[in-house]
Amino acid sequence: MKIVDARTGIEHMDRDECLRLLAQDEIGRLAVNDGSVPTIFPVNYCLDGDAIVFRTATGTKLECGARTSACFEIDRFHREERSGWSVVVVGRLEEVTQYDSRTLARLRDLPLDPWADGDKPHWMRLIPTRITGRRVGHAT
């Protein structure tokens, strides 16, 4: 059942539709707090169930993001048609290490291939507490 805001015409997508869109993509934006400043990074990702998984080197995502709240977003827009959609995942970011060897082994089997060069030895996942999506216009 579609839920459309009568005032704005914006459709609120259900969780299953959001997960379907997340599963079809491979790059999104991760937002973490670097001290008191929100910072956004593009990351290559894949899904592990409903968790967002990515690899990273040592740096802000690992140092400021691990064990904290974070958000992740993907979107598509058609400017000529004035339509589009956005999916936002909010949750807790964690590093998966050898201390959780079963999870780490499962993540290493995922088809995750970072675009950026360099070693990305740290496996991170965003465990969702909320997944929301909105669509405007006739976007697919």
Foldseek 3Di string as FASTA:
>chain_A
DWDADPVARKTKDDPVVLQVVLQVDFKWWKWFQPPPRIDIDIFGWHDDPNKTKGFADDDCCQPGQAQAKMKIKDKDADVVQRKIKMKMFIAHKHWDDCVNVVVVVVVVPDPTDIPDDDDRPIMMIGDGPDMIMIIHGPDD
